[in-house]
């Protein structure tokens, strides 16, 4: 299974390298106040992908904290301060 995982990682990495090499043409991004940013297309795509990923993670932060507060409130209401520890069976020591 590990060899298959590394093979898939290599295939994805090779695809991304070929994609980056083929998309090196310079593009110009026109921003506000006549500001222009000229960079290779692959860099521009990477910047916008990373920005979208960061915004996606930030949009989930509020939901995660809200769910943690709710879970804490429900545990207090049920009289449990901590999750119950699993009960282990009594095993006699080896002789």
Protein backbone atom coordinates (compact mmCIF):
# COMPACT_ATOMS: atom_id res chain seq x y z
CA UNK A 1 0.00 0.00 0.00
CA UNK A 2 2.88 2.38 0.76
CA UNK A 3 4.39 1.83 -2.68
CA UNK A 4 1.03 2.64 -4.29
CA UNK A 5 0.73 5.83 -2.23
CA UNK A 6 4.24 6.98 -3.23
CA UNK A 7 3.51 6.14 -6.87
CA UNK A 8 0.35 8.28 -6.80
CA UNK A 9 2.25 11.12 -5.14
CA UNK A 10 4.93 10.92 -7.82
CA UNK A 11 2.30 11.00 -10.60
CA UNK A 12 0.62 14.07 -9.08
CA UNK A 13 3.98 15.80 -8.56
CA UNK A 14 5.04 15.06 -12.16
CA UNK A 15 1.72 16.41 -13.45
CA UNK A 16 2.16 19.62 -11.46
CA UNK A 17 5.76 20.08 -12.66
CA UNK A 18 4.71 19.65 -16.30
CA UNK A 19 1.80 22.06 -15.73
CA UNK A 20 4.14 24.66 -14.20
CA UNK A 21 6.71 24.36 -16.98
CA UNK A 22 4.09 24.77 -19.70
CA UNK A 23 2.48 27.83 -18.08
CA UNK A 24 5.40 30.22 -17.75
CA UNK A 25 4.05 32.85 -20.13
CA UNK A 26 3.92 36.28 -18.48
CA UNK A 27 0.49 37.68 -17.75
CA UNK A 28 -0.49 41.14 -16.56
CA UNK A 29 -3.03 41.60 -13.81
CA UNK A 30 -4.56 45.10 -13.82
CA UNK A 31 -5.45 46.25 -10.32
CA UNK A 32 -6.92 49.44 -8.90
CA UNK A 33 -5.31 52.84 -9.38
CA UNK A 34 -3.63 51.71 -12.60
CA UNK A 35 -1.37 49.31 -10.72
CA UNK A 36 -0.22 46.37 -12.84
CA UNK A 37 1.32 43.12 -11.69
CA UNK A 38 3.18 41.13 -14.31
CA UNK A 39 4.11 37.56 -13.37
CA UNK A 40 4.18 34.07 -14.89
CA UNK A 41 0.75 32.46 -15.15
CA UNK A 42 1.65 29.55 -12.89
CA UNK A 43 2.65 31.93 -10.05
CA UNK A 44 -0.59 33.85 -10.41
CA UNK A 45 -2.59 30.61 -10.28
CA UNK A 46 -0.67 29.47 -7.20
CA UNK A 47 -1.30 32.77 -5.40
CA UNK A 48 -5.03 32.67 -6.08
CA UNK A 49 -5.28 28.98 -5.17
CA UNK A 50 -3.50 29.59 -1.85
CA UNK A 51 -5.70 32.63 -1.16
CA UNK A 52 -8.83 30.59 -1.81
CA UNK A 53 -7.65 27.78 0.44
CA UNK A 54 -6.89 30.23 3.25
CA UNK A 55 -10.32 31.87 2.90
CA UNK A 56 -11.95 28.44 2.93
CA UNK A 57 -10.20 27.46 6.15
CA UNK A 58 -11.01 30.81 7.77
CA UNK A 59 -14.68 30.43 6.88
CA UNK A 60 -14.79 27.18 8.90
CA UNK A 61 -13.13 28.54 12.04
CA UNK A 62 -16.33 30.08 13.39
CA UNK A 63 -18.32 26.89 12.83
CA UNK A 64 -15.70 24.76 14.61
CA UNK A 65 -15.57 27.02 17.67
CA UNK A 66 -19.36 27.22 17.80
CA UNK A 67 -19.61 23.42 17.74
CA UNK A 68 -16.97 23.10 20.48
CA UNK A 69 -18.87 25.55 22.70
CA UNK A 70 -22.10 23.64 22.09
CA UNK A 71 -20.45 20.31 22.88
CA UNK A 72 -18.96 21.74 26.07
CA UNK A 73 -22.36 23.11 27.10
CA UNK A 74 -24.06 19.77 26.44
CA UNK A 75 -21.41 17.89 28.45
CA UNK A 76 -21.88 20.24 31.39
CA UNK A 77 -25.65 19.79 31.14
CA UNK A 78 -25.21 16.01 31.19
CA UNK A 79 -22.92 16.24 34.25
CA UNK A 80 -19.74 15.18 32.48
CA UNK A 81 -16.75 17.45 32.77
CA UNK A 82 -14.60 15.21 30.59
CA UNK A 83 -15.37 12.42 28.17
CA UNK A 84 -15.64 9.13 30.02
CA UNK A 85 -12.48 7.03 30.01
CA UNK A 86 -12.88 3.56 28.53
CA UNK A 87 -13.28 0.78 31.06
CA UNK A 88 -10.55 -1.80 30.73
CA UNK A 89 -11.18 -5.39 31.83
CA UNK A 90 -9.31 -6.71 34.86
CA UNK A 91 -6.54 -8.97 33.65
CA UNK A 92 -4.52 -10.90 36.22
CA UNK A 93 -0.76 -10.41 36.00
CA UNK A 94 1.20 -13.21 34.30
CA UNK A 95 2.76 -15.78 36.63
